[in-house]
N, C-alpha and C. Protein backbone atom coordinates (compact mmCIF):
# COMPACT_ATOMS: atom_id res chain seq x y z
N MET A 1 -78.67 58.15 53.38
CA MET A 1 -79.08 57.69 52.49
C MET A 1 -78.57 56.13 52.06
N VAL A 2 -77.05 56.68 51.90
CA VAL A 2 -76.08 55.69 51.97
C VAL A 2 -75.95 54.75 52.94
N TYR A 3 -76.18 55.06 53.93
CA TYR A 3 -76.11 54.21 55.31
C TYR A 3 -77.44 53.29 55.41
N LEU A 4 -78.51 53.76 54.74
CA LEU A 4 -80.01 52.83 54.81
C LEU A 4 -79.84 51.66 53.47
N ALA A 5 -79.17 51.99 52.54
CA ALA A 5 -78.78 51.12 51.37
C ALA A 5 -78.20 50.13 51.93
N ALA A 6 -76.67 50.52 52.66
CA ALA A 6 -75.99 49.58 53.19
C ALA A 6 -76.48 48.44 54.32
N ALA A 7 -77.39 48.96 54.98
CA ALA A 7 -77.96 48.17 56.14
C ALA A 7 -79.03 47.01 55.28
N LYS A 8 -79.92 47.52 54.27
CA LYS A 8 -80.71 47.09 53.48
C LYS A 8 -79.63 45.61 52.70
N ALA A 9 -78.78 46.03 52.12
CA ALA A 9 -77.98 44.84 51.43
C ALA A 9 -77.23 43.96 52.55
N ALA A 10 -76.82 44.43 53.61
CA ALA A 10 -76.32 43.55 54.75
C ALA A 10 -77.25 42.90 55.40
N GLY A 11 -78.59 43.23 55.53
CA GLY A 11 -79.69 42.24 56.08
C GLY A 11 -80.12 41.18 54.88
N THR A 12 -79.86 41.30 53.45
CA THR A 12 -80.12 40.56 52.64
C THR A 12 -79.10 39.17 52.70
N SER A 13 -78.03 39.50 52.89
CA SER A 13 -76.89 38.37 53.09
C SER A 13 -77.41 37.70 54.30
N ILE A 14 -77.90 38.21 55.24
CA ILE A 14 -78.07 37.50 56.53
C ILE A 14 -79.44 36.49 56.45
N GLN A 15 -80.07 37.00 55.48
CA GLN A 15 -81.36 36.30 55.15
C GLN A 15 -80.90 34.90 54.56
N TRP A 16 -80.03 34.94 53.24
CA TRP A 16 -79.85 34.07 52.36
C TRP A 16 -78.97 33.12 53.22
N ALA A 17 -77.97 33.67 54.18
CA ALA A 17 -77.27 32.72 55.07
C ALA A 17 -78.33 31.90 56.21
N THR A 18 -79.26 32.38 56.68
CA THR A 18 -80.53 31.80 57.52
C THR A 18 -81.24 30.75 56.73
N LEU A 19 -81.46 31.24 55.32
CA LEU A 19 -82.16 30.36 54.31
C LEU A 19 -81.19 28.56 54.00
N ALA A 20 -80.03 29.29 54.02
CA ALA A 20 -78.97 28.28 53.88
C ALA A 20 -78.94 27.29 54.83
N TRP A 21 -79.13 27.78 56.16
CA TRP A 21 -78.71 27.06 57.40
C TRP A 21 -80.02 26.08 57.40
N ILE A 22 -81.28 26.66 57.30
CA ILE A 22 -82.58 25.98 57.20
C ILE A 22 -82.62 24.69 56.21
N GLY A 23 -81.97 25.31 55.01
CA GLY A 23 -82.33 24.09 54.02
C GLY A 23 -81.08 23.16 54.29
N GLY A 24 -79.99 23.27 54.94
CA GLY A 24 -79.01 22.16 55.25
C GLY A 24 -79.83 21.49 56.34
N ALA A 25 -80.58 21.97 57.14
CA ALA A 25 -81.17 21.02 58.30
C ALA A 25 -82.11 20.19 58.00
N VAL A 26 -82.97 20.77 56.83
CA VAL A 26 -84.33 20.11 56.10
C VAL A 26 -83.37 18.80 55.43
N VAL A 27 -82.46 19.00 54.59
CA VAL A 27 -81.85 18.00 53.88
C VAL A 27 -80.98 16.93 54.98
N ALA A 28 -80.40 17.51 55.85
CA ALA A 28 -79.80 16.41 56.74
C ALA A 28 -80.98 15.50 57.63
N ALA A 29 -81.93 16.37 57.96
CA ALA A 29 -83.30 15.46 58.68
C ALA A 29 -83.87 14.50 57.50
N ALA A 30 -84.02 15.03 56.52
CA ALA A 30 -84.48 13.95 55.47
C ALA A 30 -83.82 12.91 55.08
N LEU A 31 -82.48 13.04 55.16
CA LEU A 31 -81.48 12.05 55.07
C LEU A 31 -81.25 11.03 56.23
N ILE A 32 -81.57 11.65 57.52
CA ILE A 32 -81.42 10.84 58.63
C ILE A 32 -82.73 9.96 58.77
N ILE A 33 -83.80 10.76 58.48
CA ILE A 33 -85.08 9.86 58.46
C ILE A 33 -85.16 8.52 57.47
N THR A 34 -84.55 8.91 56.47
CA THR A 34 -84.82 7.80 55.09
C THR A 34 -83.92 6.78 55.60
N VAL A 35 -82.59 7.28 56.34
CA VAL A 35 -81.89 5.75 56.62
C VAL A 35 -82.52 5.01 57.84
N ILE A 36 -83.09 5.76 58.63
CA ILE A 36 -83.90 5.25 59.76
C ILE A 36 -85.16 4.10 59.17
N VAL A 37 -85.63 4.75 58.44
CA VAL A 37 -86.78 3.97 57.61
C VAL A 37 -86.27 2.71 56.94
N LEU A 38 -85.19 2.85 56.37
CA LEU A 38 -84.81 1.91 55.46
C LEU A 38 -84.21 0.59 56.49
N VAL A 39 -83.56 1.08 57.63
CA VAL A 39 -82.89 0.14 58.28
C VAL A 39 -83.96 -0.77 59.38
N SER A 40 -85.01 -0.10 59.64
CA SER A 40 -85.92 -0.71 60.53
C SER A 40 -87.52 -1.19 59.80
N ARG A 41 -87.47 -1.20 58.37
CA ARG A 41 -88.32 -1.62 57.82
C ARG A 41 -88.29 -3.23 58.07
N ARG A 42 -89.62 -3.85 57.94
CA ARG A 42 -89.70 -5.20 58.29
C ARG A 42 -89.77 -5.84 56.82
N PRO A 43 -89.21 -7.13 57.00
CA PRO A 43 -89.06 -7.94 55.81
C PRO A 43 -90.39 -8.44 55.30
N LYS A 44 -90.61 -8.63 53.79
CA LYS A 44 -91.98 -8.90 53.68
C LYS A 44 -91.96 -10.17 52.67
N SER A 45 -91.29 -11.16 53.14
CA SER A 45 -91.29 -12.63 52.22
C SER A 45 -92.45 -13.38 53.42
N MET A 46 -92.79 -14.36 52.43
CA MET A 46 -93.85 -15.20 53.43
C MET A 46 -92.91 -16.14 54.68
N GLU A 47 -91.87 -16.53 54.52
CA GLU A 47 -91.26 -17.05 55.45
C GLU A 47 -90.92 -16.23 56.66
N ASP A 48 -90.60 -14.94 56.47
CA ASP A 48 -90.75 -14.08 57.59
C ASP A 48 -91.96 -13.90 58.30
N ARG A 49 -93.09 -13.72 57.82
CA ARG A 49 -94.48 -13.67 58.27
C ARG A 49 -94.89 -14.96 58.82
N MET A 50 -94.34 -16.12 58.37
CA MET A 50 -94.51 -17.40 59.30
C MET A 50 -93.72 -17.62 60.62
N ASP A 51 -92.67 -17.11 60.25
CA ASP A 51 -91.56 -16.93 61.44
C ASP A 51 -92.42 -16.20 62.56
N GLU A 52 -92.67 -14.92 62.22
CA GLU A 52 -93.31 -14.14 63.10
C GLU A 52 -94.57 -14.84 63.90
N PHE A 53 -95.29 -15.29 63.13
CA PHE A 53 -96.77 -16.01 63.56
C PHE A 53 -96.22 -16.97 64.43
N ALA A 54 -95.05 -17.74 64.26
CA ALA A 54 -94.96 -18.65 65.00
C ALA A 54 -94.14 -18.35 66.35
N ARG A 55 -93.59 -17.37 66.48
CA ARG A 55 -92.90 -16.67 67.64
C ARG A 55 -93.93 -15.98 68.43
N SER A 56 -95.10 -15.62 67.82
CA SER A 56 -96.30 -14.89 68.64
C SER A 56 -97.02 -15.99 69.27
N LEU A 57 -96.97 -17.33 68.66
CA LEU A 57 -97.81 -18.40 69.29
C LEU A 57 -97.01 -18.91 70.54
N GLN A 58 -95.62 -18.91 70.06
CA GLN A 58 -94.54 -19.38 71.65
C GLN A 58 -94.89 -18.54 72.52
N ALA A 59 -94.82 -17.34 72.30
CA ALA A 59 -95.09 -16.09 73.34
C ALA A 59 -96.36 -16.43 74.04
N VAL A 60 -97.53 -16.62 73.49
CA VAL A 60 -98.58 -16.73 74.13
C VAL A 60 -99.26 -18.03 74.77
N ALA A 61 -98.26 -19.11 74.30
CA ALA A 61 -98.42 -20.67 75.00
C ALA A 61 -97.99 -20.90 76.13
N PRO A 62 -98.92 -21.74 76.90
CA PRO A 62 -98.25 -21.96 78.29
C PRO A 62 -97.12 -22.90 78.29
N SER A 63 -96.29 -22.68 79.21
CA SER A 63 -95.17 -23.76 79.07
C SER A 63 -95.38 -24.88 79.86
N HIS A 64 -96.32 -24.67 80.95
CA HIS A 64 -96.96 -25.81 81.74
C HIS A 64 -98.22 -25.27 82.69
N ARG A 65 -98.90 -26.54 83.24
CA ARG A 65 -99.75 -25.87 83.88
C ARG A 65 -99.72 -26.25 85.54
N PRO A 66 -100.26 -25.29 85.95
CA PRO A 66 -99.95 -25.08 87.44
C PRO A 66 -100.64 -26.42 88.18
N ALA A 67 -99.85 -26.80 89.38
CA ALA A 67 -100.18 -28.13 90.00
C ALA A 67 -101.63 -28.05 90.94
N GLY A 68 -101.61 -27.01 91.48
CA GLY A 68 -103.10 -26.66 92.33
C GLY A 68 -104.23 -26.01 91.40
N ARG A 69 -104.17 -26.43 90.46
CA ARG A 69 -105.47 -25.89 89.32
C ARG A 69 -106.83 -26.48 89.82
N GLN A 70 -107.77 -25.51 90.04
CA GLN A 70 -108.88 -25.80 90.48
C GLN A 70 -110.08 -25.74 89.32
N GLY A 71 -110.89 -26.96 89.60
CA GLY A 71 -111.79 -26.86 88.39
C GLY A 71 -111.82 -27.67 87.12
N GLY A 72 -110.45 -27.83 86.60
CA GLY A 72 -110.22 -28.54 85.36
C GLY A 72 -109.83 -30.01 85.98
N ALA A 73 -110.21 -30.78 84.98
CA ALA A 73 -109.95 -32.06 85.01
C ALA A 73 -108.63 -32.60 84.49
N GLN A 74 -107.92 -33.26 85.39
CA GLN A 74 -106.46 -33.79 85.29
C GLN A 74 -106.47 -35.08 84.19
N PRO A 75 -106.06 -35.07 82.91
CA PRO A 75 -105.97 -36.26 82.20
C PRO A 75 -105.32 -37.45 83.02
N ARG A 76 -105.63 -38.85 82.72
CA ARG A 76 -104.77 -39.64 83.35
C ARG A 76 -103.31 -39.84 82.95
N GLY A 77 -102.31 -39.95 83.91
CA GLY A 77 -101.02 -40.03 83.53
C GLY A 77 -100.39 -38.53 83.95
N GLY A 78 -101.10 -37.49 83.88
CA GLY A 78 -100.57 -36.03 84.39
C GLY A 78 -99.93 -35.27 83.26
N ALA A 79 -99.11 -34.33 83.48
CA ALA A 79 -98.38 -33.76 82.52
C ALA A 79 -97.33 -34.32 81.65
N ALA A 80 -96.43 -35.33 82.46
CA ALA A 80 -95.79 -36.00 81.75
C ALA A 80 -96.02 -36.55 80.60
N LYS A 81 -97.38 -37.34 80.83
CA LYS A 81 -97.93 -38.22 79.66
C LYS A 81 -98.03 -37.22 78.45
N LEU A 82 -98.64 -36.08 78.70
CA LEU A 82 -99.09 -35.27 77.72
C LEU A 82 -97.89 -34.90 76.99
N GLN A 83 -96.85 -34.43 77.47
CA GLN A 83 -95.40 -34.17 77.14
C GLN A 83 -95.06 -34.93 76.18
N GLU A 84 -95.20 -36.51 76.41
CA GLU A 84 -94.87 -37.35 75.70
C GLU A 84 -95.48 -37.56 74.39
N GLN A 85 -96.86 -37.49 74.50
CA GLN A 85 -97.46 -37.52 73.30
C GLN A 85 -97.46 -36.38 72.40
N ARG A 86 -97.11 -35.07 72.83
CA ARG A 86 -96.95 -34.08 71.90
C ARG A 86 -95.66 -34.12 71.37
N PRO A 87 -95.85 -33.90 69.80
CA PRO A 87 -94.52 -33.83 68.96
C PRO A 87 -93.85 -32.53 69.41
N PRO A 88 -92.52 -32.52 69.60
CA PRO A 88 -91.64 -31.48 69.91
C PRO A 88 -91.95 -30.14 68.94
N ARG A 89 -92.01 -28.74 69.44
CA ARG A 89 -92.23 -27.76 68.27
C ARG A 89 -91.05 -27.18 68.16
N ARG A 90 -91.14 -26.43 66.72
CA ARG A 90 -89.96 -25.85 66.27
C ARG A 90 -89.33 -25.19 67.15
N GLY A 91 -87.80 -25.33 67.17
CA GLY A 91 -86.93 -24.74 67.93
C GLY A 91 -86.94 -25.21 69.57
N GLU A 92 -87.60 -26.22 69.82
CA GLU A 92 -87.82 -26.77 70.96
C GLU A 92 -87.19 -28.23 71.12
N ALA A 93 -86.27 -28.68 72.20
CA ALA A 93 -85.51 -29.52 72.60
C ALA A 93 -86.78 -30.83 72.71
N GLU A 94 -86.34 -32.17 71.97
CA GLU A 94 -87.11 -33.39 71.98
C GLU A 94 -87.02 -33.83 73.85
N PRO A 95 -88.26 -34.25 74.34
CA PRO A 95 -88.15 -34.66 75.70
C PRO A 95 -87.10 -35.98 75.73
N VAL A 96 -86.48 -36.08 76.90
CA VAL A 96 -85.53 -37.28 77.09
C VAL A 96 -86.34 -38.28 77.83
C-alpha cells in the first residue's frame, strides 16, 4: 500500500513539471509572436500609403516602348520627343 501511495505522489510531481514546461513554451511562443508582429507591421501614415502607391505605379509602368511594335501608331518625333515632353517622375533623373 505504501508503494502505491509513493507512485501516486511521484506521478503528481512529474505532471506539474510537464505543465510547467508546456506553460513556459506557450509564454515563449507568445513573446516571439508579439515581437514578430510588432517588427513587421506596416506604417499607417498618409505619406507612407502615398509612397507605397507611387512605388506600385513605378513597378507596372513601362520604361520604354519596343521598337518593332505592330499595330500602334508612332507619334512624330518618336520616343525621344515623348521623353522630352514628359516631366521627370519622383526619384527619376532629369533627361539630359
